[in-house]
Amino acid sequence: MKRLQQILLLTGLTFLLAACSQGTQNLRLAPQPAETGEVTGGGLPVSLQVVDMRTDRDLGMLENPDGSIVRLLPADDVNYAIQLAAAETLRDYGFEPALWDGQAEPRLEIRIQVLIHDVTAGVPYKLDTEIALQGVAWMNGERFTGRAQTTLTRQRALPPGEKANAEAIDTAITRALGQLLNEEMANFLAGRG
């Protein structure tokens, strides 16, 4: 009788682990614009582009309780999602974001150097997100380079779904944009730097 109970318990745990296992997640990113300071761009157009410098376009991996690994993929273009948030941030500084023109001044190129989100199974689940951005701005024949890096760690009792993973990445992107598009960068783009 005791052996039967053990077998039933193990079978139940196996089904529970299988039920918690997830497949590939397609994450829809929508980072928010960063908070801005008191700089006013006076409606000055800023040519803007975002370039993904990473060799691997995946966003990261999720470990299931059974040890299997699931890929976390972007549902849309990561560059575009970050560019929208950066454009809104520039607009909040008083600039008018414009399509990329490699000869225009001022212009700003944001390079995604690192963007990784890994989920480790356990009690609790651990979500680690890291992003590193580089911004290169040109104005009045001069060049200004800024860097930003954000690392976030979160914990959850249950396995994170697409929405929770996307929110963690969005938060990290917004923080990194806030560090990169600071008042010093905005003043440079406005010709005051």
C-alpha atoms as a PDB file:
ATOM      1  CA  MET A   1       0.000   0.000   0.000  1.00  0.00           C
ATOM      2  CA  LYS A   2       2.797   2.414   0.895  1.00  0.00           C
ATOM      3  CA  ARG A   3       4.542   1.670  -2.408  1.00  0.00           C
ATOM      4  CA  LEU A   4       1.336   2.482  -4.318  1.00  0.00           C
ATOM      5  CA  GLN A   5       1.102   5.837  -2.528  1.00  0.00           C
ATOM      6  CA  GLN A   6       4.701   6.653  -3.447  1.00  0.00           C
ATOM      7  CA  ILE A   7       4.082   5.762  -7.090  1.00  0.00           C
ATOM      8  CA  LEU A   8       0.943   7.898  -7.169  1.00  0.00           C
ATOM      9  CA  LEU A   9       2.802  10.801  -5.547  1.00  0.00           C
ATOM     10  CA  LEU A  10       5.665  10.581  -8.041  1.00  0.00           C
ATOM     11  CA  THR A  11       3.227  10.345 -10.938  1.00  0.00           C
ATOM     12  CA  GLY A  12       1.361  13.394  -9.655  1.00  0.00           C
ATOM     13  CA  LEU A  13       4.585  15.379  -9.282  1.00  0.00           C
ATOM     14  CA  THR A  14       5.616  14.396 -12.818  1.00  0.00           C
ATOM     15  CA  PHE A  15       2.315  15.681 -14.199  1.00  0.00           C
ATOM     16  CA  LEU A  16       2.665  18.869 -12.164  1.00  0.00           C
ATOM     17  CA  LEU A  17       6.161  19.514 -13.544  1.00  0.00           C
ATOM     18  CA  ALA A  18       4.965  18.829 -17.070  1.00  0.00           C
ATOM     19  CA  ALA A  19       2.063  21.250 -16.597  1.00  0.00           C
ATOM     20  CA  CYS A  20       4.458  23.990 -15.441  1.00  0.00           C
ATOM     21  CA  SER A  21       6.724  23.540 -18.462  1.00  0.00           C
ATOM     22  CA  GLN A  22       6.410  26.245 -21.070  1.00  0.00           C
ATOM     23  CA  GLY A  23       7.205  26.514 -24.761  1.00  0.00           C
ATOM     24  CA  THR A  24       8.894  29.290 -26.724  1.00  0.00           C
ATOM     25  CA  GLN A  25       7.696  32.751 -25.719  1.00  0.00           C
ATOM     26  CA  ASN A  26       7.303  35.635 -28.176  1.00  0.00           C
ATOM     27  CA  LEU A  27       7.623  38.837 -26.165  1.00  0.00           C
ATOM     28  CA  ARG A  28       5.993  42.071 -27.299  1.00  0.00           C
ATOM     29  CA  LEU A  29       8.159  44.889 -25.958  1.00  0.00           C
ATOM     30  CA  ALA A  30       6.805  48.371 -25.261  1.00  0.00           C
ATOM     31  CA  PRO A  31       9.244  50.311 -23.061  1.00  0.00           C
ATOM     32  CA  GLN A  32       8.070  53.642 -21.697  1.00  0.00           C
ATOM     33  CA  PRO A  33       9.848  56.934 -22.414  1.00  0.00           C
ATOM     34  CA  ALA A  34      12.358  57.904 -19.751  1.00  0.00           C
ATOM     35  CA  GLU A  35      11.701  60.798 -17.400  1.00  0.00           C
ATOM     36  CA  THR A  36      13.335  64.000 -18.581  1.00  0.00           C
ATOM     37  CA  GLY A  37      14.822  67.072 -16.980  1.00  0.00           C
ATOM     38  CA  GLU A  38      14.428  70.749 -17.779  1.00  0.00           C
ATOM     39  CA  VAL A  39      16.252  70.910 -21.135  1.00  0.00           C
ATOM     40  CA  THR A  40      14.272  72.366 -23.998  1.00  0.00           C
ATOM     41  CA  GLY A  41      15.220  71.471 -27.524  1.00  0.00           C
ATOM     42  CA  GLY A  42      13.095  74.268 -28.952  1.00  0.00           C
ATOM     43  CA  GLY A  43      11.583  71.973 -31.581  1.00  0.00           C
ATOM     44  CA  LEU A  44      15.015  71.235 -33.068  1.00  0.00           C
ATOM     45  CA  PRO A  45      14.839  68.121 -35.303  1.00  0.00           C
ATOM     46  CA  VAL A  46      17.069  65.229 -34.159  1.00  0.00           C
ATOM     47  CA  SER A  47      17.835  62.441 -36.599  1.00  0.00           C
ATOM     48  CA  LEU A  48      17.465  59.179 -34.654  1.00  0.00           C
ATOM     49  CA  GLN A  49      18.232  55.528 -35.242  1.00  0.00           C
ATOM     50  CA  VAL A  50      18.657  52.415 -33.088  1.00  0.00           C
ATOM     51  CA  VAL A  51      21.058  49.665 -34.154  1.00  0.00           C
ATOM     52  CA  ASP A  52      21.223  46.198 -32.599  1.00  0.00           C
ATOM     53  CA  MET A  53      24.909  45.287 -32.295  1.00  0.00           C
ATOM     54  CA  ARG A  54      24.234  41.866 -30.723  1.00  0.00           C
ATOM     55  CA  THR A  55      25.065  38.732 -32.692  1.00  0.00           C
ATOM     56  CA  ASP A  56      22.219  36.724 -31.095  1.00  0.00           C
ATOM     57  CA  ARG A  57      18.776  38.261 -31.599  1.00  0.00           C
ATOM     58  CA  ASP A  58      17.077  36.133 -28.902  1.00  0.00           C
ATOM     59  CA  LEU A  59      16.063  37.993 -25.752  1.00  0.00           C
ATOM     60  CA  GLY A  60      17.129  35.170 -23.442  1.00  0.00           C
ATOM     61  CA  MET A  61      16.119  31.815 -22.031  1.00  0.00           C
ATOM     62  CA  LEU A  62      13.637  30.412 -19.558  1.00  0.00           C
ATOM     63  CA  GLU A  63      14.462  27.285 -17.579  1.00  0.00           C
ATOM     64  CA  ASN A  64      11.508  24.969 -16.939  1.00  0.00           C
ATOM     65  CA  PRO A  65      11.249  22.968 -13.678  1.00  0.00           C
ATOM     66  CA  ASP A  66      12.120  19.810 -15.633  1.00  0.00           C
ATOM     67  CA  GLY A  67      15.417  21.391 -16.750  1.00  0.00           C
ATOM     68  CA  SER A  68      14.360  22.037 -20.340  1.00  0.00           C
ATOM     69  CA  ILE A  69      15.243  25.416 -21.851  1.00  0.00           C
ATOM     70  CA  VAL A  70      12.818  27.692 -23.672  1.00  0.00           C
ATOM     71  CA  ARG A  71      13.844  30.516 -25.999  1.00  0.00           C
ATOM     72  CA  LEU A  72      12.533  34.026 -25.369  1.00  0.00           C
ATOM     73  CA  LEU A  73      12.096  35.755 -28.718  1.00  0.00           C
ATOM     74  CA  PRO A  74      10.974  39.264 -29.670  1.00  0.00           C
ATOM     75  CA  ALA A  75       7.510  39.367 -31.243  1.00  0.00           C
ATOM     76  CA  ASP A  76       8.446  42.596 -33.052  1.00  0.00           C
ATOM     77  CA  ASP A  77      11.579  44.504 -34.017  1.00  0.00           C
ATOM     78  CA  VAL A  78      13.515  45.370 -30.831  1.00  0.00           C
ATOM     79  CA  ASN A  79      15.162  48.365 -32.534  1.00  0.00           C
ATOM     80  CA  TYR A  80      11.769  49.863 -33.343  1.00  0.00           C
ATOM     81  CA  ALA A  81      10.450  49.396 -29.782  1.00  0.00           C
ATOM     82  CA  ILE A  82      13.482  51.155 -28.306  1.00  0.00           C
ATOM     83  CA  GLN A  83      13.379  53.851 -30.987  1.00  0.00           C
ATOM     84  CA  LEU A  84       9.760  54.692 -30.121  1.00  0.00           C
ATOM     85  CA  ALA A  85      10.633  55.116 -26.429  1.00  0.00           C
ATOM     86  CA  ALA A  86      13.759  57.149 -27.279  1.00  0.00           C
ATOM     87  CA  ALA A  87      11.771  59.368 -29.664  1.00  0.00           C
ATOM     88  CA  GLU A  88       9.174  60.080 -26.965  1.00  0.00           C
ATOM     89  CA  THR A  89      11.965  60.902 -24.505  1.00  0.00           C
ATOM     90  CA  LEU A  90      13.532  63.332 -26.990  1.00  0.00           C
ATOM     91  CA  ARG A  91      10.095  64.853 -27.623  1.00  0.00           C
ATOM     92  CA  ASP A  92       9.693  65.364 -23.849  1.00  0.00           C
ATOM     93  CA  TYR A  93      12.999  67.285 -23.898  1.00  0.00           C
ATOM     94  CA  GLY A  94      11.526  69.566 -26.580  1.00  0.00           C
ATOM     95  CA  PHE A  95      13.171  68.020 -29.659  1.00  0.00           C
ATOM     96  CA  GLU A  96      11.440  66.825 -32.799  1.00  0.00           C
ATOM     97  CA  PRO A  97      12.632  63.261 -33.574  1.00  0.00           C
ATOM     98  CA  ALA A  98      13.218  62.635 -37.284  1.00  0.00           C
ATOM     99  CA  LEU A  99      14.106  59.738 -39.552  1.00  0.00           C
ATOM    100  CA  TRP A 100      17.799  58.867 -39.716  1.00  0.00           C
ATOM    101  CA  ASP A 101      20.008  60.992 -41.915  1.00  0.00           C
ATOM    102  CA  GLY A 102      23.690  60.186 -41.529  1.00  0.00           C
ATOM    103  CA  GLN A 103      24.662  63.763 -42.422  1.00  0.00           C
ATOM    104  CA  ALA A 104      22.113  65.691 -40.343  1.00  0.00           C
ATOM    105  CA  GLU A 105      23.044  67.520 -37.167  1.00  0.00           C
ATOM    106  CA  PRO A 106      22.040  66.981 -34.512  1.00  0.00           C
ATOM    107  CA  ARG A 107      21.727  63.212 -34.846  1.00  0.00           C
ATOM    108  CA  LEU A 108      21.722  60.365 -32.361  1.00  0.00           C
ATOM    109  CA  GLU A 109      22.494  56.699 -32.884  1.00  0.00           C
ATOM    110  CA  ILE A 110      21.633  54.333 -30.051  1.00  0.00           C
ATOM    111  CA  ARG A 111      23.455  51.001 -30.150  1.00  0.00           C
ATOM    112  CA  ILE A 112      22.128  47.957 -28.302  1.00  0.00           C
ATOM    113  CA  GLN A 113      25.241  46.227 -27.013  1.00  0.00           C
ATOM    114  CA  VAL A 114      23.665  43.818 -24.506  1.00  0.00           C
ATOM    115  CA  LEU A 115      20.041  42.770 -24.046  1.00  0.00           C
ATOM    116  CA  ILE A 116      19.534  39.512 -22.195  1.00  0.00           C
ATOM    117  CA  HIS A 117      16.751  38.207 -19.977  1.00  0.00           C
ATOM    118  CA  ASP A 118      17.186  34.830 -18.296  1.00  0.00           C
ATOM    119  CA  VAL A 119      14.719  33.022 -16.066  1.00  0.00           C
ATOM    120  CA  THR A 120      15.998  30.377 -13.663  1.00  0.00           C
ATOM    121  CA  ALA A 121      13.560  27.777 -12.330  1.00  0.00           C
ATOM    122  CA  GLY A 122      13.335  27.369  -8.595  1.00  0.00           C
ATOM    123  CA  VAL A 123      11.360  28.443  -5.589  1.00  0.00           C
ATOM    124  CA  PRO A 124      11.105  31.296  -6.304  1.00  0.00           C
ATOM    125  CA  TYR A 125      11.792  31.777 -10.012  1.00  0.00           C
ATOM    126  CA  LYS A 126      14.621  34.246 -10.624  1.00  0.00           C
ATOM    127  CA  LEU A 127      14.417  36.765 -13.487  1.00  0.00           C
ATOM    128  CA  ASP A 128      17.721  38.423 -14.451  1.00  0.00           C
ATOM    129  CA  THR A 129      17.674  41.214 -17.023  1.00  0.00           C
ATOM    130  CA  GLU A 130      20.698  43.085 -18.332  1.00  0.00           C
ATOM    131  CA  ILE A 131      20.860  45.824 -20.953  1.00  0.00           C
ATOM    132  CA  ALA A 132      23.754  47.968 -22.140  1.00  0.00           C
ATOM    133  CA  LEU A 133      23.246  50.854 -24.552  1.00  0.00           C
ATOM    134  CA  GLN A 134      25.692  53.206 -26.210  1.00  0.00           C
ATOM    135  CA  GLY A 135      24.588  56.546 -27.620  1.00  0.00           C
ATOM    136  CA  VAL A 136      26.642  58.472 -30.159  1.00  0.00           C
ATOM    137  CA  ALA A 137      25.484  62.021 -30.879  1.00  0.00           C
ATOM    138  CA  TRP A 138      26.779  64.504 -33.433  1.00  0.00           C
ATOM    139  CA  MET A 139      26.267  68.282 -33.247  1.00  0.00           C
ATOM    140  CA  ASN A 140      28.219  71.246 -34.673  1.00  0.00           C
ATOM    141  CA  GLY A 141      30.922  68.950 -36.037  1.00  0.00           C
ATOM    142  CA  GLU A 142      31.549  67.394 -32.621  1.00  0.00           C
ATOM    143  CA  ARG A 143      30.779  63.935 -31.289  1.00  0.00           C
ATOM    144  CA  PHE A 144      29.497  62.924 -27.848  1.00  0.00           C
ATOM    145  CA  THR A 145      29.342  59.318 -26.627  1.00  0.00           C
ATOM    146  CA  GLY A 146      27.338  58.099 -23.660  1.00  0.00           C
ATOM    147  CA  ARG A 147      26.852  54.669 -22.149  1.00  0.00           C
ATOM    148  CA  ALA A 148      24.181  53.146 -19.952  1.00  0.00           C
ATOM    149  CA  GLN A 149      23.882  49.773 -18.289  1.00  0.00           C
ATOM    150  CA  THR A 150      21.057  48.388 -16.188  1.00  0.00           C
ATOM    151  CA  THR A 151      20.817  45.067 -14.399  1.00  0.00           C
ATOM    152  CA  LEU A 152      17.568  44.013 -12.741  1.00  0.00           C
ATOM    153  CA  THR A 153      16.801  40.912 -10.688  1.00  0.00           C
ATOM    154  CA  ARG A 154      13.259  39.937  -9.788  1.00  0.00           C
ATOM    155  CA  GLN A 155      11.690  36.912  -8.141  1.00  0.00           C
ATOM    156  CA  ARG A 156       8.326  35.271  -8.736  1.00  0.00           C
ATOM    157  CA  ALA A 157       6.585  32.375  -7.045  1.00  0.00           C
ATOM    158  CA  LEU A 158       5.132  31.089 -10.322  1.00  0.00           C
ATOM    159  CA  PRO A 159       6.760  30.719 -13.747  1.00  0.00           C
ATOM    160  CA  PRO A 160       6.611  34.033 -15.631  1.00  0.00           C
ATOM    161  CA  GLY A 161       4.519  34.218 -18.780  1.00  0.00           C
ATOM    162  CA  GLU A 162       5.118  36.386 -21.830  1.00  0.00           C
ATOM    163  CA  LYS A 163       3.622  39.483 -20.209  1.00  0.00           C
ATOM    164  CA  ALA A 164       5.748  39.274 -17.028  1.00  0.00           C
ATOM    165  CA  ASN A 165       8.940  38.665 -19.010  1.00  0.00           C
ATOM    166  CA  ALA A 166       8.187  41.557 -21.378  1.00  0.00           C
ATOM    167  CA  GLU A 167       7.472  43.881 -18.426  1.00  0.00           C
ATOM    168  CA  ALA A 168      10.829  43.033 -16.819  1.00  0.00           C
ATOM    169  CA  ILE A 169      12.682  43.792 -20.074  1.00  0.00           C
ATOM    170  CA  ASP A 170      10.658  46.986 -20.654  1.00  0.00           C
ATOM    171  CA  THR A 171      11.561  48.247 -17.169  1.00  0.00           C
ATOM    172  CA  ALA A 172      15.276  47.648 -17.811  1.00  0.00           C
ATOM    173  CA  ILE A 173      15.121  49.373 -21.220  1.00  0.00           C
ATOM    174  CA  THR A 174      13.331  52.412 -19.752  1.00  0.00           C
ATOM    175  CA  ARG A 175      15.926  52.725 -16.978  1.00  0.00           C
ATOM    176  CA  ALA A 176      18.827  52.419 -19.433  1.00  0.00           C
ATOM    177  CA  LEU A 177      17.264  55.048 -21.724  1.00  0.00           C
ATOM    178  CA  GLY A 178      16.920  57.343 -18.707  1.00  0.00           C
ATOM    179  CA  GLN A 179      20.641  56.967 -17.985  1.00  0.00           C
ATOM    180  CA  LEU A 180      21.634  57.422 -21.641  1.00  0.00           C
ATOM    181  CA  LEU A 181      19.286  60.270 -22.603  1.00  0.00           C
ATOM    182  CA  ASN A 182      20.152  62.401 -19.609  1.00  0.00           C
ATOM    183  CA  GLU A 183      20.395  66.193 -19.407  1.00  0.00           C
ATOM    184  CA  GLU A 184      24.044  66.148 -20.513  1.00  0.00           C
ATOM    185  CA  MET A 185      23.135  64.318 -23.757  1.00  0.00           C
ATOM    186  CA  ALA A 186      20.124  66.583 -24.309  1.00  0.00           C
ATOM    187  CA  ASN A 187      22.219  69.733 -23.786  1.00  0.00           C
ATOM    188  CA  PHE A 188      24.773  68.451 -26.287  1.00  0.00           C
ATOM    189  CA  LEU A 189      22.036  67.795 -28.873  1.00  0.00           C
ATOM    190  CA  ALA A 190      20.680  71.301 -28.233  1.00  0.00           C
ATOM    191  CA  GLY A 191      24.103  72.771 -28.997  1.00  0.00           C
ATOM    192  CA  ARG A 192      24.784  73.737 -25.379  1.00  0.00           C
ATOM    193  CA  GLY A 193      27.270  70.972 -24.559  1.00  0.00           C
END
